[in-house]
All heavy atoms as atom14 arrays in JSON, in Angstrom:
{
  "sequence": "LCSDVPASSLETLRRAGAGELADRIGAMDHGG",
  "atom14_mask": [
    [1, 1, 1, 1, 1, 1, 1, 1, 0, 0, 0, 0, 0, 0],
    [1, 1, 1, 1, 1, 1, 0, 0, 0, 0, 0, 0, 0, 0],
    [1, 1, 1, 1, 1, 1, 0, 0, 0, 0, 0, 0, 0, 0],
    [1, 1, 1, 1, 1, 1, 1, 1, 0, 0, 0, 0, 0, 0],
    [1, 1, 1, 1, 1, 1, 1, 0, 0, 0, 0, 0, 0, 0],
    [1, 1, 1, 1, 1, 1, 1, 0, 0, 0, 0, 0, 0, 0],
    [1, 1, 1, 1, 1, 0, 0, 0, 0, 0, 0, 0, 0, 0],
    [1, 1, 1, 1, 1, 1, 0, 0, 0, 0, 0, 0, 0, 0],
    [1, 1, 1, 1, 1, 1, 0, 0, 0, 0, 0, 0, 0, 0],
    [1, 1, 1, 1, 1, 1, 1, 1, 0, 0, 0, 0, 0, 0],
    [1, 1, 1, 1, 1, 1, 1, 1, 1, 0, 0, 0, 0, 0],
    [1, 1, 1, 1, 1, 1, 1, 0, 0, 0, 0, 0, 0, 0],
    [1, 1, 1, 1, 1, 1, 1, 1, 0, 0, 0, 0, 0, 0],
    [1, 1, 1, 1, 1, 1, 1, 1, 1, 1, 1, 0, 0, 0],
    [1, 1, 1, 1, 1, 1, 1, 1, 1, 1, 1, 0, 0, 0],
    [1, 1, 1, 1, 1, 0, 0, 0, 0, 0, 0, 0, 0, 0],
    [1, 1, 1, 1, 0, 0, 0, 0, 0, 0, 0, 0, 0, 0],
    [1, 1, 1, 1, 1, 0, 0, 0, 0, 0, 0, 0, 0, 0],
    [1, 1, 1, 1, 0, 0, 0, 0, 0, 0, 0, 0, 0, 0],
    [1, 1, 1, 1, 1, 1, 1, 1, 1, 0, 0, 0, 0, 0],
    [1, 1, 1, 1, 1, 1, 1, 1, 0, 0, 0, 0, 0, 0],
    [1, 1, 1, 1, 1, 0, 0, 0, 0, 0, 0, 0, 0, 0],
    [1, 1, 1, 1, 1, 1, 1, 1, 0, 0, 0, 0, 0, 0],
    [1, 1, 1, 1, 1, 1, 1, 1, 1, 1, 1, 0, 0, 0],
    [1, 1, 1, 1, 1, 1, 1, 1, 0, 0, 0, 0, 0, 0],
    [1, 1, 1, 1, 0, 0, 0, 0, 0, 0, 0, 0, 0, 0],
    [1, 1, 1, 1, 1, 0, 0, 0, 0, 0, 0, 0, 0, 0],
    [1, 1, 1, 1, 1, 1, 1, 1, 0, 0, 0, 0, 0, 0],
    [1, 1, 1, 1, 1, 1, 1, 1, 0, 0, 0, 0, 0, 0],
    [1, 1, 1, 1, 1, 1, 1, 1, 1, 1, 0, 0, 0, 0],
    [1, 1, 1, 1, 0, 0, 0, 0, 0, 0, 0, 0, 0, 0],
    [1, 1, 1, 1, 0, 0, 0, 0, 0, 0, 0, 0, 0, 0]
  ],
  "atom14_positions": [
    [[190.15, -2.52, 77.47], [188.75, -2.16, 77.26], [188.41, -0.8, 77.84], [187.49, -0.13, 77.37], [187.84, -3.22, 77.91], [187.88, -4.63, 77.32], [187.04, -5.57, 78.18], [187.39, -4.63, 75.89], [0.0, 0.0, 0.0], [0.0, 0.0, 0.0], [0.0, 0.0, 0.0], [0.0, 0.0, 0.0], [0.0, 0.0, 0.0], [0.0, 0.0, 0.0]],
    [[189.15, -0.39, 78.89], [188.9, 0.89, 79.57], [187.44, 1.0, 79.99], [186.78, 2.03, 79.77], [189.3, 2.07, 78.69], [191.05, 2.14, 78.32], [0.0, 0.0, 0.0], [0.0, 0.0, 0.0], [0.0, 0.0, 0.0], [0.0, 0.0, 0.0], [0.0, 0.0, 0.0], [0.0, 0.0, 0.0], [0.0, 0.0, 0.0], [0.0, 0.0, 0.0]],
    [[186.92, -0.06, 80.59], [185.52, -0.08, 80.99], [185.35, -1.02, 82.17], [186.01, -2.06, 82.25], [184.65, -0.55, 79.83], [183.33, -0.8, 80.25], [0.0, 0.0, 0.0], [0.0, 0.0, 0.0], [0.0, 0.0, 0.0], [0.0, 0.0, 0.0], [0.0, 0.0, 0.0], [0.0, 0.0, 0.0], [0.0, 0.0, 0.0], [0.0, 0.0, 0.0]],
    [[184.43, -0.65, 83.08], [184.1, -1.52, 84.21], [182.94, -2.46, 83.89], [182.48, -3.19, 84.76], [183.74, -0.68, 85.44], [184.98, -0.08, 86.09], [186.09, -0.36, 85.63], [184.82, 0.67, 87.07], [0.0, 0.0, 0.0], [0.0, 0.0, 0.0], [0.0, 0.0, 0.0], [0.0, 0.0, 0.0], [0.0, 0.0, 0.0], [0.0, 0.0, 0.0]],
    [[182.44, -2.42, 82.67], [181.39, -3.36, 82.28], [181.93, -4.79, 82.36], [183.04, -5.05, 81.86], [180.91, -3.05, 80.85], [179.9, -4.1, 80.38], [180.29, -1.65, 80.78], [0.0, 0.0, 0.0], [0.0, 0.0, 0.0], [0.0, 0.0, 0.0], [0.0, 0.0, 0.0], [0.0, 0.0, 0.0], [0.0, 0.0, 0.0], [0.0, 0.0, 0.0]],
    [[181.2, -5.72, 83.0], [181.71, -7.11, 83.12], [181.65, -7.84, 81.79], [180.77, -8.67, 81.53], [180.78, -7.72, 84.16], [179.49, -6.96, 84.02], [179.9, -5.56, 83.67], [0.0, 0.0, 0.0], [0.0, 0.0, 0.0], [0.0, 0.0, 0.0], [0.0, 0.0, 0.0], [0.0, 0.0, 0.0], [0.0, 0.0, 0.0], [0.0, 0.0, 0.0]],
    [[182.61, -7.55, 80.92], [182.57, -8.01, 79.54], [182.48, -9.53, 79.43], [181.71, -10.06, 78.62], [183.8, -7.5, 78.79], [0.0, 0.0, 0.0], [0.0, 0.0, 0.0], [0.0, 0.0, 0.0], [0.0, 0.0, 0.0], [0.0, 0.0, 0.0], [0.0, 0.0, 0.0], [0.0, 0.0, 0.0], [0.0, 0.0, 0.0], [0.0, 0.0, 0.0]],
    [[183.27, -10.23, 80.21], [183.28, -11.68, 80.13], [181.94, -12.27, 80.52], [181.43, -13.2, 79.87], [184.38, -12.26, 81.03], [184.32, -13.66, 81.05], [0.0, 0.0, 0.0], [0.0, 0.0, 0.0], [0.0, 0.0, 0.0], [0.0, 0.0, 0.0], [0.0, 0.0, 0.0], [0.0, 0.0, 0.0], [0.0, 0.0, 0.0], [0.0, 0.0, 0.0]],
    [[181.34, -11.73, 81.59], [180.04, -12.24, 82.03], [178.96, -11.97, 80.99], [178.03, -12.76, 80.82], [179.67, -11.61, 83.37], [180.56, -12.05, 84.39], [0.0, 0.0, 0.0], [0.0, 0.0, 0.0], [0.0, 0.0, 0.0], [0.0, 0.0, 0.0], [0.0, 0.0, 0.0], [0.0, 0.0, 0.0], [0.0, 0.0, 0.0], [0.0, 0.0, 0.0]],
    [[179.06, -10.85, 80.28], [178.09, -10.55, 79.23], [178.27, -11.5, 78.04], [177.28, -11.92, 77.42], [178.23, -9.1, 78.78], [177.97, -8.03, 79.85], [177.93, -6.65, 79.23], [176.68, -8.3, 80.61], [0.0, 0.0, 0.0], [0.0, 0.0, 0.0], [0.0, 0.0, 0.0], [0.0, 0.0, 0.0], [0.0, 0.0, 0.0], [0.0, 0.0, 0.0]],
    [[179.5, -11.87, 77.74], [179.73, -12.87, 76.69], [179.08, -14.2, 77.06], [178.46, -14.87, 76.22], [181.23, -13.06, 76.47], [181.94, -11.88, 75.84], [183.44, -12.08, 75.81], [183.89, -13.2, 76.12], [184.16, -11.12, 75.49], [0.0, 0.0, 0.0], [0.0, 0.0, 0.0], [0.0, 0.0, 0.0], [0.0, 0.0, 0.0], [0.0, 0.0, 0.0]],
    [[179.22, -14.59, 78.32], [178.6, -15.83, 78.79], [177.09, -15.75, 78.67], [176.42, -16.72, 78.28], [179.01, -16.12, 80.24], [180.43, -16.18, 80.34], [178.42, -17.44, 80.73], [0.0, 0.0, 0.0], [0.0, 0.0, 0.0], [0.0, 0.0, 0.0], [0.0, 0.0, 0.0], [0.0, 0.0, 0.0], [0.0, 0.0, 0.0], [0.0, 0.0, 0.0]],
    [[176.52, -14.58, 79.0], [175.08, -14.4, 78.87], [174.62, -14.63, 77.43], [173.61, -15.29, 77.18], [174.69, -12.98, 79.28], [174.36, -12.69, 80.74], [173.85, -11.26, 80.87], [173.34, -13.67, 81.3], [0.0, 0.0, 0.0], [0.0, 0.0, 0.0], [0.0, 0.0, 0.0], [0.0, 0.0, 0.0], [0.0, 0.0, 0.0], [0.0, 0.0, 0.0]],
    [[175.36, -14.08, 76.49], [174.95, -14.22, 75.09], [175.03, -15.68, 74.65], [174.15, -16.17, 73.93], [175.81, -13.31, 74.21], [175.53, -11.83, 74.46], [176.23, -10.92, 73.45], [175.8, -9.54, 73.66], [176.42, -8.65, 74.43], [177.55, -9.0, 75.04], [175.94, -7.43, 74.57], [0.0, 0.0, 0.0], [0.0, 0.0, 0.0], [0.0, 0.0, 0.0]],
    [[176.08, -16.39, 75.09], [176.16, -17.82, 74.75], [175.05, -18.61, 75.42], [174.71, -19.71, 74.99], [177.53, -18.39, 75.17], [178.69, -17.92, 74.33], [179.92, -18.79, 74.56], [180.35, -18.76, 75.95], [181.2, -17.88, 76.46], [181.7, -16.92, 75.7], [181.56, -17.93, 77.74], [0.0, 0.0, 0.0], [0.0, 0.0, 0.0], [0.0, 0.0, 0.0]],
    [[174.49, -18.04, 76.51], [173.42, -18.71, 77.25], [172.04, -18.38, 76.7], [171.03, -18.81, 77.26], [173.49, -18.33, 78.72], [0.0, 0.0, 0.0], [0.0, 0.0, 0.0], [0.0, 0.0, 0.0], [0.0, 0.0, 0.0], [0.0, 0.0, 0.0], [0.0, 0.0, 0.0], [0.0, 0.0, 0.0], [0.0, 0.0, 0.0], [0.0, 0.0, 0.0]],
    [[171.97, -17.59, 75.61], [170.67, -17.25, 75.03], [170.0, -16.06, 75.65], [168.79, -15.87, 75.49], [0.0, 0.0, 0.0], [0.0, 0.0, 0.0], [0.0, 0.0, 0.0], [0.0, 0.0, 0.0], [0.0, 0.0, 0.0], [0.0, 0.0, 0.0], [0.0, 0.0, 0.0], [0.0, 0.0, 0.0], [0.0, 0.0, 0.0], [0.0, 0.0, 0.0]],
    [[170.77, -15.22, 76.36], [170.21, -14.05, 77.05], [170.83, -12.77, 76.5], [171.28, -11.9, 77.25], [170.44, -14.16, 78.55], [0.0, 0.0, 0.0], [0.0, 0.0, 0.0], [0.0, 0.0, 0.0], [0.0, 0.0, 0.0], [0.0, 0.0, 0.0], [0.0, 0.0, 0.0], [0.0, 0.0, 0.0], [0.0, 0.0, 0.0], [0.0, 0.0, 0.0]],
    [[170.83, -12.64, 75.17], [171.43, -11.47, 74.55], [170.76, -10.17, 74.93], [171.42, -9.14, 75.11], [0.0, 0.0, 0.0], [0.0, 0.0, 0.0], [0.0, 0.0, 0.0], [0.0, 0.0, 0.0], [0.0, 0.0, 0.0], [0.0, 0.0, 0.0], [0.0, 0.0, 0.0], [0.0, 0.0, 0.0], [0.0, 0.0, 0.0], [0.0, 0.0, 0.0]],
    [[169.43, -10.17, 75.07], [168.72, -8.93, 75.43], [169.12, -8.48, 76.82], [169.34, -7.27, 77.05], [167.21, -9.18, 75.35], [166.37, -7.94, 75.57], [166.07, -7.65, 77.04], [166.08, -8.62, 77.84], [165.86, -6.47, 77.39], [0.0, 0.0, 0.0], [0.0, 0.0, 0.0], [0.0, 0.0, 0.0], [0.0, 0.0, 0.0], [0.0, 0.0, 0.0]],
    [[169.23, -9.4, 77.76], [169.67, -9.05, 79.11], [171.1, -8.54, 79.09], [171.44, -7.57, 79.78], [169.54, -10.26, 80.03], [170.0, -10.05, 81.48], [169.17, -8.98, 82.18], [169.93, -11.36, 82.26], [0.0, 0.0, 0.0], [0.0, 0.0, 0.0], [0.0, 0.0, 0.0], [0.0, 0.0, 0.0], [0.0, 0.0, 0.0], [0.0, 0.0, 0.0]],
    [[171.96, -9.16, 78.28], [173.34, -8.7, 78.17], [173.4, -7.26, 77.68], [174.17, -6.44, 78.18], [174.13, -9.62, 77.24], [0.0, 0.0, 0.0], [0.0, 0.0, 0.0], [0.0, 0.0, 0.0], [0.0, 0.0, 0.0], [0.0, 0.0, 0.0], [0.0, 0.0, 0.0], [0.0, 0.0, 0.0], [0.0, 0.0, 0.0], [0.0, 0.0, 0.0]],
    [[172.56, -6.93, 76.71], [172.53, -5.56, 76.19], [172.06, -4.58, 77.27], [172.62, -3.48, 77.41], [171.6, -5.46, 74.98], [172.14, -6.2, 73.77], [173.37, -6.46, 73.72], [171.35, -6.52, 72.87], [0.0, 0.0, 0.0], [0.0, 0.0, 0.0], [0.0, 0.0, 0.0], [0.0, 0.0, 0.0], [0.0, 0.0, 0.0], [0.0, 0.0, 0.0]],
    [[171.05, -4.98, 78.05], [170.55, -4.1, 79.11], [171.61, -3.85, 80.17], [171.81, -2.71, 80.61], [169.3, -4.7, 79.76], [168.01, -4.41, 79.02], [166.82, -4.67, 79.91], [166.6, -6.09, 80.14], [166.38, -6.63, 81.33], [166.39, -5.88, 82.42], [166.16, -7.93, 81.44], [0.0, 0.0, 0.0], [0.0, 0.0, 0.0], [0.0, 0.0, 0.0]],
    [[172.28, -4.9, 80.6], [173.29, -4.74, 81.64], [174.48, -3.97, 81.11], [175.05, -3.12, 81.8], [173.71, -6.11, 82.19], [172.53, -6.73, 82.95], [174.94, -5.99, 83.09], [172.78, -8.12, 83.45], [0.0, 0.0, 0.0], [0.0, 0.0, 0.0], [0.0, 0.0, 0.0], [0.0, 0.0, 0.0], [0.0, 0.0, 0.0], [0.0, 0.0, 0.0]],
    [[174.85, -4.21, 79.86], [175.95, -3.48, 79.27], [175.71, -1.99, 79.2], [176.65, -1.19, 79.25], [0.0, 0.0, 0.0], [0.0, 0.0, 0.0], [0.0, 0.0, 0.0], [0.0, 0.0, 0.0], [0.0, 0.0, 0.0], [0.0, 0.0, 0.0], [0.0, 0.0, 0.0], [0.0, 0.0, 0.0], [0.0, 0.0, 0.0], [0.0, 0.0, 0.0]],
    [[174.43, -1.59, 79.08], [174.08, -0.18, 78.98], [173.96, 0.5, 80.35], [173.81, 1.72, 80.42], [172.77, -0.02, 78.22], [0.0, 0.0, 0.0], [0.0, 0.0, 0.0], [0.0, 0.0, 0.0], [0.0, 0.0, 0.0], [0.0, 0.0, 0.0], [0.0, 0.0, 0.0], [0.0, 0.0, 0.0], [0.0, 0.0, 0.0], [0.0, 0.0, 0.0]],
    [[174.02, -0.26, 81.43], [173.88, 0.31, 82.77], [175.14, 1.07, 83.18], [176.21, 0.89, 82.62], [173.6, -0.8, 83.79], [172.25, -1.46, 83.65], [172.08, -2.82, 84.87], [170.43, -3.37, 84.49], [0.0, 0.0, 0.0], [0.0, 0.0, 0.0], [0.0, 0.0, 0.0], [0.0, 0.0, 0.0], [0.0, 0.0, 0.0], [0.0, 0.0, 0.0]],
    [[174.98, 1.9, 84.2], [176.11, 2.61, 84.79], [176.83, 1.66, 85.74], [176.26, 1.24, 86.75], [175.63, 3.84, 85.55], [176.76, 4.63, 86.2], [177.93, 4.28, 85.98], [176.46, 5.59, 86.93], [0.0, 0.0, 0.0], [0.0, 0.0, 0.0], [0.0, 0.0, 0.0], [0.0, 0.0, 0.0], [0.0, 0.0, 0.0], [0.0, 0.0, 0.0]],
    [[178.06, 1.32, 85.43], [178.84, 0.39, 86.27], [179.86, 1.12, 87.13], [180.79, 0.51, 87.65], [179.52, -0.65, 85.39], [178.56, -1.56, 84.71], [178.08, -2.72, 85.28], [177.95, -1.47, 83.5], [177.23, -3.31, 84.46], [177.13, -2.57, 83.37], [0.0, 0.0, 0.0], [0.0, 0.0, 0.0], [0.0, 0.0, 0.0], [0.0, 0.0, 0.0]],
    [[179.69, 2.41, 87.29], [180.54, 3.16, 88.21], [181.64, 3.94, 87.54], [182.29, 4.77, 88.18], [0.0, 0.0, 0.0], [0.0, 0.0, 0.0], [0.0, 0.0, 0.0], [0.0, 0.0, 0.0], [0.0, 0.0, 0.0], [0.0, 0.0, 0.0], [0.0, 0.0, 0.0], [0.0, 0.0, 0.0], [0.0, 0.0, 0.0], [0.0, 0.0, 0.0]],
    [[181.87, 3.7, 86.27], [182.92, 4.45, 85.58], [184.28, 3.83, 85.77], [184.64, 3.41, 86.86], [0.0, 0.0, 0.0], [0.0, 0.0, 0.0], [0.0, 0.0, 0.0], [0.0, 0.0, 0.0], [0.0, 0.0, 0.0], [0.0, 0.0, 0.0], [0.0, 0.0, 0.0], [0.0, 0.0, 0.0], [0.0, 0.0, 0.0], [0.0, 0.0, 0.0]]
  ]
}
């Protein structure tokens, strides 16, 4: 993935009905 975004946790968020929050967190700066 070459990314520090917590991809697995964002997938769980989407399955939990929190897709908008997943998009917001995915767009944040995770340190590079």
